[in-house]
Protein backbone atom coordinates (compact mmCIF):
# COMPACT_ATOMS: atom_id res chain seq x y z
CA MET A 1 64.68 54.05 144.57
CA HIS A 2 67.76 53.60 146.97
CA GLU A 3 71.45 54.68 147.02
CA ASN A 4 73.90 52.73 145.14
CA SER A 5 76.46 50.34 147.14
CA HIS A 6 77.57 47.22 145.14
CA GLN A 7 80.05 47.49 142.44
CA SER A 8 82.61 45.19 140.55
CA LEU A 9 85.40 45.61 138.16
CA LEU A 10 84.87 44.34 134.46
CA VAL A 11 87.91 45.72 132.78
CA GLU A 12 91.11 47.01 134.33
CA SER A 13 92.40 48.88 131.21
CA SER A 14 90.73 49.16 127.89
CA LEU A 15 92.40 50.22 124.62
CA SER A 16 91.78 53.69 125.68
CA GLY A 17 93.35 53.23 129.03
CA ALA A 18 89.97 53.37 130.94
CA ALA A 19 88.55 51.08 133.41
CA TRP A 20 85.11 49.48 133.10
CA GLN A 21 83.09 48.83 136.19
CA GLN A 22 79.73 47.13 136.63
CA LEU A 23 77.02 49.61 137.33
CA ALA A 24 76.85 50.15 141.10
CA SER A 25 73.66 48.40 142.67
CA VAL A 26 71.87 48.72 145.85
CA TYR A 27 71.89 44.96 146.15
CA PRO A 28 74.59 42.14 145.98
CA LEU A 29 74.93 40.92 142.54
CA ALA A 30 73.02 37.61 142.94
CA GLU A 31 70.13 39.72 144.45
CA THR A 32 70.25 42.08 141.78
CA GLU A 33 69.98 39.41 139.16
CA ARG A 34 67.16 37.80 140.92
CA ARG A 35 65.29 41.08 141.20
CA ALA A 36 65.98 41.91 137.43
CA GLU A 37 64.49 38.42 136.34
CA GLY A 38 61.36 39.31 138.23
CA LEU A 39 61.18 42.80 136.72
CA ALA A 40 61.75 41.53 133.12
CA VAL A 41 58.90 38.86 133.51
CA ALA A 42 56.38 41.24 135.16
CA ALA A 43 57.07 44.06 132.63
CA ASP A 44 58.05 41.84 129.73
CA MET A 45 61.16 43.92 129.13
CA PRO A 46 64.66 42.97 128.15
CA LEU A 47 66.57 41.45 131.13
CA ALA A 48 69.48 44.06 130.35
CA LEU A 49 67.20 46.78 130.97
CA ALA A 50 65.54 45.22 133.97
CA TYR A 51 68.89 44.66 135.61
CA TYR A 52 69.57 48.60 135.10
CA LEU A 53 66.47 49.35 136.92
CA ALA A 54 66.76 46.84 139.55
CA ALA A 55 70.40 48.18 140.34
CA HIS A 56 68.72 51.50 140.89
CA GLY A 57 66.40 50.06 143.33
CA MET A 58 63.40 49.74 141.22
CA GLU A 59 60.42 47.54 142.63
CA ARG A 60 57.82 45.99 140.32
CA TYR A 61 55.10 48.16 141.82
CA GLU A 62 56.83 51.24 140.70
CA ILE A 63 57.22 50.44 137.10
CA GLU A 64 54.09 51.82 135.68
CA HIS A 65 54.48 55.16 137.50
CA PHE A 66 58.14 55.35 136.44
CA ILE A 67 57.49 54.73 132.88
CA SER A 68 54.38 57.24 132.80
CA PRO A 69 54.98 59.72 135.60
CA ARG A 70 51.96 62.04 136.15
CA LEU A 71 52.67 65.66 137.32
CA ARG A 72 49.86 65.49 139.85
CA ASP A 73 51.50 62.51 141.50
CA SER A 74 54.92 64.14 141.55
CA LEU A 75 54.33 67.81 142.11
CA PRO A 76 55.49 68.74 145.71
CA ASP A 77 53.59 71.24 147.94
CA PRO A 78 55.28 74.51 147.11
CA HIS A 79 55.05 75.62 150.75
CA ILE A 80 57.71 72.93 151.89
CA MET A 81 60.21 75.38 150.67
CA GLN A 82 61.37 78.11 153.08
CA ASP A 83 59.70 81.35 152.35
CA ALA A 84 57.54 80.04 149.46
CA GLU A 85 54.27 80.89 151.13
CA ARG A 86 55.31 84.47 151.64
CA ALA A 87 56.66 84.93 148.20
CA ILE A 88 53.35 83.30 146.66
CA THR A 89 51.22 85.76 148.82
CA LEU A 90 53.25 88.69 147.68
CA ILE A 91 53.04 87.81 144.03
CA CYS A 92 49.22 87.19 144.38
CA ASN A 93 48.97 90.55 146.13
CA ALA A 94 50.57 92.21 143.03
CA ILE A 95 48.23 90.13 140.68
CA GLU A 96 45.17 91.36 142.55
CA ALA A 97 46.37 95.07 142.51
CA LYS A 98 47.36 94.66 138.91
CA GLN A 99 50.89 95.85 139.85
CA PRO A 100 53.72 95.44 137.47
CA ILE A 101 56.22 92.99 138.39
CA GLY A 102 59.79 93.06 137.48
CA ILE A 103 62.00 90.03 136.57
CA PHE A 104 65.62 89.82 136.60
CA GLY A 105 67.03 86.66 135.19
CA ASP A 106 70.17 85.09 134.19
CA TYR A 107 71.72 84.94 130.80
CA ASP A 108 71.62 81.15 130.29
CA VAL A 109 68.84 78.79 129.38
CA ASP A 110 67.78 78.22 132.90
CA GLY A 111 67.55 81.93 133.46
CA ALA A 112 65.82 82.74 130.29
CA CYS A 113 63.31 79.78 130.75
CA SER A 114 62.50 81.02 134.38
CA ALA A 115 61.81 84.54 133.40
CA ALA A 116 59.73 83.28 130.38
CA LEU A 117 57.66 81.15 132.93
CA PHE A 118 56.66 83.98 135.05
CA ARG A 119 55.91 86.24 131.95
CA ALA A 120 53.71 83.58 130.48
CA VAL A 121 51.75 82.87 133.66
CA LEU A 122 51.41 86.24 135.19
CA ALA A 123 50.94 88.50 132.19
CA PRO A 124 47.54 86.74 131.20
CA LEU A 125 46.37 87.41 134.76
CA GLY A 126 46.59 91.14 133.96
CA CYS A 127 49.92 91.73 135.76
CA PRO A 128 52.42 93.71 133.68
CA VAL A 129 55.80 91.91 133.58
CA TYR A 130 59.10 93.75 132.76
CA CYS A 131 62.06 91.65 132.29
CA HIS A 132 65.88 92.36 132.43
CA ILE A 133 68.61 89.97 131.34
CA PRO A 134 72.05 91.30 132.32
CA ASP A 135 74.75 91.57 129.68
CA ARG A 136 77.58 88.93 130.58
CA PHE A 137 80.25 91.22 129.78
CA SER A 138 79.10 94.65 130.98
CA GLU A 139 76.96 93.58 133.88
CA GLY A 140 78.47 90.20 134.86
CA TYR A 141 76.44 87.62 136.74
CA GLY A 142 73.63 88.27 139.24
CA PRO A 143 71.47 91.31 140.18
CA ASN A 144 73.03 94.80 140.06
CA ILE A 145 71.56 97.82 141.53
CA THR A 146 71.42 99.96 138.36
CA ALA A 147 69.26 97.24 136.50
CA LEU A 148 67.16 96.76 139.61
CA GLU A 149 66.53 100.67 139.52
CA GLY A 150 65.71 100.41 135.95
CA LEU A 151 62.91 97.97 136.57
CA LYS A 152 61.62 100.05 139.37
CA ALA A 153 61.62 103.04 137.01
CA GLN A 154 59.46 101.19 134.57
CA GLY A 155 56.99 100.58 137.42
CA ALA A 156 57.84 97.31 138.90
CA GLU A 157 56.38 97.39 142.42
CA LEU A 158 57.76 93.89 143.24
CA ILE A 159 61.06 92.46 141.67
CA LEU A 160 61.93 88.76 141.33
CA THR A 161 65.41 87.70 140.84
CA VAL A 162 65.39 84.20 139.04
CA ASP A 163 68.20 81.71 138.69
CA CYS A 164 70.29 84.35 140.50
CA GLY A 165 70.46 86.45 143.88
CA ILE A 166 71.37 84.02 146.50
CA THR A 167 74.86 85.62 146.78
CA ALA A 168 74.00 89.18 145.70
CA HIS A 169 74.16 90.55 149.24
CA GLN A 170 75.32 94.03 148.43
CA PRO A 171 73.18 94.78 145.42
CA LEU A 172 70.08 93.62 147.24
CA GLU A 173 70.96 95.49 150.40
CA ALA A 174 71.07 98.57 148.31
CA ALA A 175 67.84 97.86 146.63
CA ALA A 176 66.18 97.42 150.12
CA GLU A 177 67.61 100.66 151.19
CA ALA A 178 65.89 102.24 147.97
CA GLY A 179 62.62 100.86 149.08
CA MET A 180 62.39 97.96 146.59
CA ASN A 181 60.45 94.87 147.37
CA ILE A 182 62.46 91.86 146.29
CA ILE A 183 61.81 88.07 145.99
CA VAL A 184 64.75 85.78 145.34
CA VAL A 185 63.94 82.63 143.52
CA ASP A 186 67.24 80.52 143.10
CA HIS A 187 68.58 77.26 143.37
CA HIS A 188 72.44 77.85 143.55
CA LYS A 189 74.21 76.87 146.75
CA ALA A 190 73.62 79.35 149.31
CA GLY A 191 76.18 80.53 152.13
CA PRO A 192 75.46 80.84 155.78
CA SER A 193 73.67 84.28 155.41
CA LEU A 194 71.07 85.09 153.12
CA PRO A 195 70.63 88.32 151.00
CA GLN A 196 68.23 91.03 152.16
CA ALA A 197 64.83 90.37 150.53
CA GLN A 198 61.22 90.17 151.20
CA ALA A 199 61.49 86.45 150.51
CA VAL A 200 64.28 83.99 149.60
CA VAL A 201 63.02 80.67 147.95
CA ASN A 202 65.81 78.36 147.37
CA PRO A 203 65.86 74.74 148.14
CA ASN A 204 69.57 74.80 148.49
CA ARG A 205 69.34 77.24 151.52
CA LEU A 206 71.14 75.80 154.37
CA ASP A 207 67.85 75.89 156.48
CA ASP A 208 65.56 74.47 153.82
CA ASP A 209 64.57 70.69 154.31
CA SER A 210 62.18 70.29 151.36
CA GLY A 211 64.36 67.84 149.73
CA LEU A 212 64.09 69.80 146.36
CA GLY A 213 67.65 70.72 146.10
CA HIS A 214 67.96 68.90 142.73
CA LEU A 215 65.72 71.22 140.86
CA CYS A 216 67.06 73.88 138.31
CA ALA A 217 65.84 77.34 138.77
CA ALA A 218 63.05 76.93 136.26
CA GLY A 219 61.82 73.98 138.28
CA VAL A 220 61.78 76.10 141.56
CA CYS A 221 59.89 78.80 139.59
CA PHE A 222 57.25 76.25 138.29
CA VAL A 223 56.61 75.09 141.93
CA VAL A 224 56.22 78.55 143.11
CA LEU A 225 53.81 79.44 140.09
CA ALA A 226 51.77 76.15 140.97
CA GLY A 227 51.45 77.79 144.48
CA VAL A 228 50.50 81.17 142.89
CA ILE A 229 47.76 79.50 140.62
CA ARG A 230 46.40 77.52 143.75
CA GLN A 231 46.10 80.87 145.67
CA CYS A 232 44.73 82.92 142.74
CA ARG A 233 42.04 80.34 142.39
CA ALA A 234 41.26 80.42 146.06
CA ARG A 235 40.97 84.32 145.72
CA ALA A 236 38.93 84.14 142.39
CA LEU A 237 41.62 85.88 140.58
CA THR A 238 41.14 84.31 137.19
CA LEU A 239 41.59 85.05 133.43
CA PRO A 240 38.63 87.04 132.01
CA ASN A 241 37.05 83.85 130.79
CA GLY A 242 37.08 82.52 134.36
CA ASN A 243 39.87 80.02 133.63
CA MET A 244 43.38 79.81 135.08
CA PRO A 245 46.65 79.84 132.90
CA ASP A 246 47.66 76.40 131.94
CA LEU A 247 50.67 75.39 133.62
CA LEU A 248 51.12 72.24 131.70
CA SER A 249 51.29 74.20 128.61
CA VAL A 250 54.71 75.67 129.73
CA LEU A 251 56.52 72.21 130.75
CA ASP A 252 58.35 72.32 127.76
CA LEU A 253 60.38 75.49 129.17
CA VAL A 254 60.91 73.48 132.56
CA ALA A 255 62.12 70.43 130.64
CA LEU A 256 64.65 72.60 128.65
CA ALA A 257 66.01 74.19 131.61
CA THR A 258 66.16 70.96 133.62
CA ILE A 259 68.15 69.20 130.86
CA CYS A 260 70.43 72.31 130.01
CA ASP A 261 71.24 72.90 133.59
CA ILE A 262 72.41 69.31 133.96
CA VAL A 263 70.46 68.80 137.30
CA PRO A 264 69.60 65.13 138.36
CA LEU A 265 66.93 63.51 136.61
CA LYS A 266 65.14 62.13 139.65
CA GLY A 267 61.74 62.82 141.39
CA ILE A 268 59.79 65.68 139.94
CA ASN A 269 62.61 66.34 137.49
CA ARG A 270 62.02 63.29 135.64
CA THR A 271 58.33 64.00 135.39
CA PHE A 272 59.20 67.53 134.04
CA VAL A 273 61.27 66.23 131.36
CA LYS A 274 59.12 63.32 130.58
CA GLN A 275 56.05 65.47 130.13
CA GLY A 276 57.68 68.46 128.77
CA LEU A 277 58.92 66.69 125.94
CA LYS A 278 55.32 65.69 125.02
CA VAL A 279 54.44 69.37 125.22
CA LEU A 280 57.51 70.40 123.01
CA ALA A 281 56.43 67.88 120.42
CA GLN A 282 53.08 69.78 120.12
CA ARG A 283 55.08 72.72 119.01
CA GLN A 284 52.87 75.22 120.85
CA ASN A 285 55.64 77.70 121.88
CA THR A 286 56.13 80.02 118.92
CA GLY A 287 59.80 80.71 119.78
CA LEU A 288 60.77 77.04 120.29
CA ARG A 289 58.88 76.08 117.08
CA ALA A 290 61.13 78.58 115.08
CA LEU A 291 64.19 77.28 116.94
CA MET A 292 63.28 73.65 115.97
CA ASP A 293 62.73 74.59 112.52
CA ILE A 294 66.14 76.45 112.29
CA ALA A 295 67.88 73.38 113.87
CA ARG A 296 66.15 71.20 111.20
CA LEU A 297 64.47 69.07 113.81
CA ASP A 298 62.14 66.76 111.90
CA ARG A 299 61.42 64.03 114.43
CA ARG A 300 60.17 63.56 117.97
CA PRO A 301 62.27 65.53 120.39
CA THR A 302 64.34 63.91 122.82
CA PRO A 303 66.66 64.98 125.89
CA HIS A 304 69.52 65.25 123.07
CA THR A 305 67.11 67.81 121.26
CA LEU A 306 67.14 69.90 124.30
CA GLY A 307 70.67 69.68 125.38
CA PHE A 308 72.36 69.77 122.12
CA LEU A 309 70.14 71.41 119.39
CA LEU A 310 67.97 73.98 121.38
CA GLY A 311 69.99 74.76 124.38
CA PRO A 312 73.33 75.87 122.84
CA ARG A 313 71.39 78.05 120.32
CA LEU A 314 69.48 79.89 123.31
CA ASN A 315 72.82 80.21 125.15
CA ALA A 316 74.49 81.71 122.09
CA GLY A 317 73.07 85.20 122.57
CA GLY A 318 74.13 85.27 126.24
CA ARG A 319 77.49 84.22 125.27
CA LEU A 320 78.26 86.60 122.53
CA GLY A 321 76.80 89.71 123.95
CA GLN A 322 73.06 89.65 123.20
CA SER A 323 71.91 88.20 126.31
CA ASP A 324 68.19 88.99 126.09
CA LEU A 325 67.58 87.23 122.74
CA GLY A 326 66.82 83.96 124.38
CA LEU A 327 64.04 85.42 126.60
CA GLN A 328 62.66 87.33 123.58
CA LEU A 329 62.45 84.19 121.72
CA LEU A 330 60.74 82.15 124.37
CA SER A 331 58.15 84.94 124.89
CA SER A 332 57.38 85.75 121.40
CA ALA A 333 54.00 85.03 120.00
CA ASP A 334 54.87 86.48 116.40
CA ASP A 335 56.00 84.03 113.96
CA ASP A 336 57.90 86.39 111.84
CA LEU A 337 59.77 87.85 114.87
CA ALA A 338 60.55 84.47 116.31
CA ASN A 339 61.82 83.29 112.98
CA ALA A 340 64.18 86.21 112.70
CA ILE A 341 65.43 85.93 116.39
CA ALA A 342 65.93 82.01 115.76
CA GLN A 343 67.94 82.95 112.63
CA GLN A 344 70.16 85.41 114.50
CA LEU A 345 70.70 82.86 117.39
CA ASP A 346 71.62 80.22 114.95
CA GLU A 347 74.18 82.47 113.41
CA LEU A 348 75.56 83.42 116.99
CA ASN A 349 75.82 79.76 117.80
CA MET A 350 77.97 79.21 114.56
CA GLN A 351 80.16 82.08 115.71
CA ARG A 352 80.42 80.76 119.26
CA ARG A 353 81.65 77.31 117.88
CA ILE A 354 84.40 78.86 116.03
CA THR A 355 85.60 80.93 119.09
CA GLU A 356 85.09 78.02 121.42
CA LYS A 357 87.29 75.71 119.16
CA GLU A 358 90.09 78.38 119.26
CA VAL A 359 89.98 78.81 122.96
CA GLN A 360 89.69 74.92 123.56
CA GLN A 361 92.86 74.33 121.52
CA GLN A 362 94.86 76.84 123.53
CA ALA A 363 93.52 75.52 126.77
CA GLU A 364 94.37 71.90 125.94
CA GLU A 365 97.88 72.88 124.94
CA MET A 366 98.25 74.42 128.28
CA ALA A 367 96.63 71.51 130.17
CA LEU A 368 98.99 69.07 128.45
CA ALA A 369 102.15 71.35 129.25
CA LYS A 370 101.08 71.50 132.96
CA LEU A 371 100.42 67.74 133.00
CA ALA A 372 103.74 66.96 131.42
CA LYS A 373 105.51 68.82 134.24
CA ASN A 374 103.21 67.20 136.90
CA PRO A 375 101.21 64.25 135.79
CA GLY A 376 99.74 64.04 139.27
CA LEU A 377 97.69 67.17 139.08
CA THR A 378 94.07 66.57 140.56
CA VAL A 379 92.84 69.93 139.37
CA LEU A 380 93.34 71.87 136.16
CA VAL A 381 93.28 75.61 136.61
CA LEU A 382 93.93 77.22 133.20
CA ALA A 383 93.91 80.96 132.70
CA SER A 384 95.06 83.35 129.93
CA GLU A 385 94.27 86.84 128.60
CA GLY A 386 92.07 87.20 125.53
CA TRP A 387 90.00 84.12 126.05
CA HIS A 388 86.34 84.92 125.14
CA GLU A 389 84.32 84.84 128.46
CA GLY A 390 81.42 83.61 126.74
CA VAL A 391 82.76 80.06 125.87
CA ILE A 392 85.00 79.41 128.93
CA GLY A 393 82.31 77.34 130.55
CA ILE A 394 81.88 75.13 127.64
CA VAL A 395 85.80 74.85 127.25
CA ALA A 396 86.09 73.77 130.94
CA GLY A 397 83.57 71.07 130.21
CA ARG A 398 85.77 69.97 127.33
CA ILE A 399 88.88 69.91 129.28
CA LYS A 400 87.13 68.03 132.16
CA ASP A 401 85.89 65.45 129.77
CA ARG A 402 89.45 64.92 128.20
CA PHE A 403 91.44 64.92 131.26
CA ASN A 404 88.99 63.47 133.81
CA ARG A 405 89.59 65.92 136.61
CA PRO A 406 87.88 69.16 137.88
CA SER A 407 88.82 71.89 135.44
CA ILE A 408 88.54 75.68 135.92
CA VAL A 409 89.07 77.99 132.81
CA ILE A 410 89.69 81.67 133.47
CA SER A 411 89.64 84.75 131.08
CA LEU A 412 92.02 87.60 132.24
CA ASP A 413 91.64 91.16 131.16
CA GLU A 414 94.15 94.00 130.90
CA ALA A 415 92.78 95.52 133.97
CA GLY A 416 94.12 92.50 136.05
CA THR A 417 90.81 90.82 136.69
CA GLY A 418 89.55 87.41 135.56
CA LYS A 419 86.26 85.71 135.16
CA GLY A 420 86.28 81.96 135.35
CA SER A 421 83.96 78.90 134.80
CA GLY A 422 84.69 75.49 136.09
CA ARG A 423 83.22 71.82 135.68
CA SER A 424 83.80 68.93 138.04
CA VAL A 425 83.77 65.14 138.25
CA LYS A 426 82.00 62.84 140.60
CA GLY A 427 83.31 63.24 144.26
CA PHE A 428 84.41 66.86 144.03
CA SER A 429 81.91 69.57 144.74
CA LEU A 430 83.16 72.42 142.80
CA GLY A 431 80.34 74.90 144.15
CA ASP A 432 81.48 74.06 147.70
CA ALA A 433 85.13 74.51 146.82
CA ILE A 434 84.28 78.07 145.20
CA MET A 435 82.11 79.18 148.14
CA ALA A 436 85.08 78.22 150.63
CA ALA A 437 87.69 80.24 148.28
CA ARG A 438 85.46 82.99 148.31
CA GLN A 439 85.07 83.03 152.04
CA GLN A 440 88.76 82.82 152.46
CA ASP A 441 89.05 86.19 150.19
CA ILE A 442 90.81 84.29 147.39
CA LEU A 443 87.84 85.23 145.08
CA VAL A 444 85.96 88.44 144.61
CA SER A 445 82.83 86.39 143.58
CA GLY A 446 81.66 82.94 142.91
CA GLY A 447 79.26 80.19 143.58
CA GLY A 448 77.39 77.31 141.62
CA HIS A 449 76.52 73.75 141.95
CA ASP A 450 78.50 70.41 142.68
CA MET A 451 79.39 69.94 139.00
CA ALA A 452 79.62 73.64 137.63
CA ALA A 453 80.51 76.89 139.23
CA GLY A 454 81.55 80.44 138.13
CA LEU A 455 83.99 82.76 139.88
CA GLY A 456 85.62 86.37 139.70
CA LEU A 457 89.07 87.07 140.99
CA GLU A 458 92.07 89.51 140.91
CA ALA A 459 94.68 88.07 138.53
CA HIS A 460 97.35 88.22 141.44
CA LYS A 461 95.26 85.70 143.41
CA LEU A 462 95.53 83.17 140.61
CA PRO A 463 98.45 81.13 142.20
CA GLU A 464 96.66 81.12 145.57
CA LEU A 465 93.41 79.69 143.92
CA GLU A 466 95.29 77.06 142.08
CA ALA A 467 97.08 75.92 145.54
CA PHE A 468 93.86 76.10 147.27
CA MET A 469 91.97 73.84 144.69
CA LEU A 470 94.80 71.43 144.53
CA ALA A 471 94.86 71.00 148.44
CA ARG A 472 91.11 70.50 148.52
CA ALA A 473 91.21 68.04 145.70
CA ASN A 474 94.23 66.26 146.96
CA SER A 475 92.30 65.65 150.24
CA ILE A 476 89.76 63.93 148.25
CA PHE A 477 91.56 62.10 145.58
CA ALA A 478 94.67 60.08 146.34
CA GLU A 479 95.77 60.36 142.73
CA PRO A 480 94.13 62.05 139.65
CA PRO A 481 90.63 60.43 138.97
CA ARG A 482 90.86 57.61 136.33
CA LYS A 483 88.55 57.57 133.47
CA THR A 484 85.89 54.89 134.43
CA PHE A 485 82.94 53.72 132.46
CA LEU A 486 79.85 52.15 134.15
CA ALA A 487 78.27 49.23 132.34
CA ALA A 488 74.91 48.08 132.93
CA HIS A 489 74.89 44.59 131.58
CA HIS A 490 76.11 42.16 128.99
CA VAL A 491 74.12 41.91 125.75
CA SER A 492 74.47 39.99 122.37
CA VAL A 493 74.06 41.51 118.98
CA ALA A 494 70.99 39.29 118.60
CA GLY A 495 69.32 41.05 121.62
CA LEU A 496 69.95 44.67 120.32
CA ASP A 497 66.71 44.95 118.23
CA PHE A 498 64.27 47.62 117.67
CA ALA A 499 62.23 46.51 120.53
CA PHE A 500 65.05 47.08 122.79
CA SER A 501 65.44 50.64 121.60
CA GLU A 502 61.68 51.29 122.26
CA TRP A 503 62.20 49.92 125.76
CA LEU A 504 65.09 52.32 126.28
CA GLU A 505 62.81 55.16 125.36
CA LYS A 506 60.08 53.95 127.66
CA ILE A 507 62.41 53.99 130.76
CA GLY A 508 64.10 57.37 129.73
CA PRO A 509 64.62 60.18 129.83
CA PHE A 510 68.15 59.92 130.78
CA GLY A 511 70.61 62.54 132.09
CA SER A 512 72.34 63.63 135.21
CA GLY A 513 71.92 61.06 138.10
CA PHE A 514 70.23 58.62 135.85
CA ALA A 515 72.59 58.15 132.93
CA GLU A 516 71.78 56.42 129.73
CA PRO A 517 72.84 52.83 130.28
CA ARG A 518 75.74 51.45 128.66
CA PHE A 519 75.99 47.86 127.54
CA TYR A 520 78.95 45.68 126.43
CA ILE A 521 79.19 42.93 123.96
CA THR A 522 81.80 40.30 124.42
CA HIS A 523 83.82 38.04 121.80
CA CYS A 524 82.90 40.55 118.99
CA ARG A 525 84.85 41.10 115.79
CA LEU A 526 85.02 44.53 114.21
CA THR A 527 84.46 44.22 110.46
CA ARG A 528 83.85 46.54 107.58
CA HIS A 529 85.89 49.55 108.83
CA HIS A 530 85.18 52.89 107.30
CA TRP A 531 86.68 56.15 108.55
CA MET A 532 84.03 59.05 107.69
CA GLY A 533 83.41 62.87 108.23
CA ALA A 534 85.23 65.92 106.67
CA GLU A 535 88.37 65.12 108.62
CA LYS A 536 87.86 61.06 108.73
CA GLN A 537 87.49 61.46 112.46
CA HIS A 538 84.50 59.12 112.88
CA LEU A 539 84.67 55.33 112.56
CA SER A 540 81.91 53.12 111.06
CA VAL A 541 82.18 49.28 111.76
CA SER A 542 80.23 46.37 112.06
CA LEU A 543 80.12 44.26 115.26
CA ASP A 544 79.82 40.47 114.77
CA ASP A 545 79.55 38.29 117.96
CA GLY A 546 78.10 35.21 115.96
CA THR A 547 74.56 35.43 117.50
CA ALA A 548 72.78 37.50 114.62
CA PRO A 549 73.82 39.42 111.48
CA ALA A 550 76.55 42.02 112.12
CA LEU A 551 75.27 45.15 113.97
CA ARG A 552 76.23 48.49 112.42
CA ALA A 553 78.11 50.70 115.00
CA VAL A 554 79.65 54.11 114.87
CA ALA A 555 82.35 55.70 117.11
CA PHE A 556 82.27 59.52 116.83
CA ASN A 557 85.36 61.78 117.08
CA LEU A 558 87.58 58.71 117.38
CA ALA A 559 90.47 59.92 115.45
CA GLY A 560 93.49 61.16 117.42
CA THR A 561 92.48 59.48 120.62
CA ASP A 562 94.19 56.59 122.40
CA LEU A 563 91.42 54.33 121.26
CA GLY A 564 91.36 55.69 117.70
CA LYS A 565 95.21 55.14 117.33
CA ALA A 566 94.90 51.64 118.76
CA ILE A 567 92.30 50.74 116.11
CA GLN A 568 94.25 52.35 113.31
CA ASP A 569 97.35 50.41 114.22
CA ASN A 570 95.56 47.26 114.52
CA PRO A 571 91.97 47.31 112.71
CA ASP A 572 91.43 43.73 113.50
CA PRO A 573 92.59 42.90 117.08
CA GLY A 574 90.68 39.71 117.25
CA PRO A 575 87.62 38.98 119.66
CA VAL A 576 87.06 42.13 121.69
CA MET A 577 84.59 43.62 124.23
CA VAL A 578 82.75 46.64 123.00
CA LEU A 579 81.09 49.24 125.19
CA GLY A 580 78.36 51.77 124.26
CA THR A 581 74.76 52.66 123.94
CA LEU A 582 72.04 51.73 121.57
CA ARG A 583 70.24 54.31 119.21
CA ALA A 584 66.98 53.55 116.97
CA ASP A 585 67.66 54.55 113.33
CA THR A 586 64.24 55.48 111.81
CA TYR A 587 65.53 57.20 108.77
CA ARG A 588 62.98 57.06 105.93
CA GLY A 589 60.53 55.16 108.28
CA GLY A 590 62.84 52.36 108.88
CA LYS A 591 62.94 50.40 112.33
CA ASN A 592 66.66 49.74 112.64
CA VAL A 593 69.25 50.18 115.35
CA GLN A 594 73.01 51.25 115.67
CA PHE A 595 75.46 50.89 118.29
CA MET A 596 77.18 53.92 119.52
CA ILE A 597 80.76 52.76 120.62
CA GLU A 598 82.34 54.44 123.67
CA ASP A 599 85.10 52.10 124.39
CA ILE A 600 86.74 48.94 123.17
CA ALA A 601 88.78 46.25 125.34
CA LEU A 602 90.62 43.12 124.63
CA ASN A 603 88.76 40.02 125.67
CA PRO A 604 90.33 38.73 128.96
């Protein structure tokens, strides 16, 4: 599919103050409509969904593979990544010699999944695997020489850093001087110089032209392991029964990391998630089965399952000081142990939510005060002593969502140092900005992706960091970015049936880079209002456009927002345009749908 280019304005200002734009298309409007009609007929699919695919450049001949992507058709040759062939050979040499391998991971979902992947594949091949997940608070992010020495002391002849290491120049230089053999397997943005290691596999190296920079770390690890399996087979290094480890059976881990790390769902990533969800539905991984049970998941898993039910629970250990619980769970084969860890993670996640709510409230008050003084701020840099380091990343995301501008949240300690986490909006690469600030000695440490990054700094550098970020953002945004919703196509209530939701599932999964399509209904009346929830924060209404019986709709967390206040002040504003997404409702075996409202605008 091609890059987007053509776009038009649908609503200048909704009841929430947002703009609505027609989803950008690679073709002019008339051409997109023509292609959509052809797709709809060829695949017998709803026109609104065909338009969404046509706008992304989908051709008729691509539909079948797009709906049912196969790993063998999507998996790239591992050797196209710089240093991958050398890394694969070194790993296979260790397997052949039965040498222990050490894995140094990260404390988030991607890091835990990456470490669990290597353990799941290498251990059955007779290669002892020792893992270390650093403590977020006492060790911080990335490799440290003490932990690497600990892995060596356990007997590790070869050590892999997964989902970290690309900026760890000093620790890896010290490790090399101590005679350690290190392989870096990472995906974070790299600087002009690489760390000292036997091999550095990272599709986001400046000299890597593999085109795989959209992979999360677990995705990179999976591709490397595919190369390991291929070379092991060529060397006749097999399991005792003559078979090879089944890579397909660990696709649930790759799918989980892909969704939770919010990398673009394109190419192989789409296949990872589509096929990984099928593996997850089989409930083969003991730890994930226990986690799904504790989360009361009683239906087929979806990307929402990965990102909102499993991911936060796995992350809770790292956020609250028990960083290796996630890896323990993902690697467990014992039901009792897995159930105990899942219970512990669930309790930690509840604690995390309480802590997060407190920090978020304080950060929002600080943001409102800053914006009251200067509404034109294009970046929000918020810092305070006592904010829990484990939740600042989530809070940064919440601040970004509410105020629609790049946001950095920093926890300061009594020693005068700070750790921060940021989330960005389209058009502003936070990872590049953090790397640039680091190169100018504003930051002690830092790195990340376009949309998310972490940092470390001395507290007295805080004003300098804020000035640097504002100058960089001001060079990109003429004014603070405005909240904009992208709408795929107009729909009627009559067209939003269960068959429509089934087609939505077929063309999914949706996520970063391939967002779940939003649709809008015009000339629609809001009826049967009902505020629900413990704090009456959610709105249940029916949507009636005269084309079919009214459609049930829900707007979550509406109370207190501009849109919520507008509806409370005027529950029946007359015919309106309603924007949102469609969900299947299969409660008690039914085949119903409900519309998830994101915004409402007056009809022009």
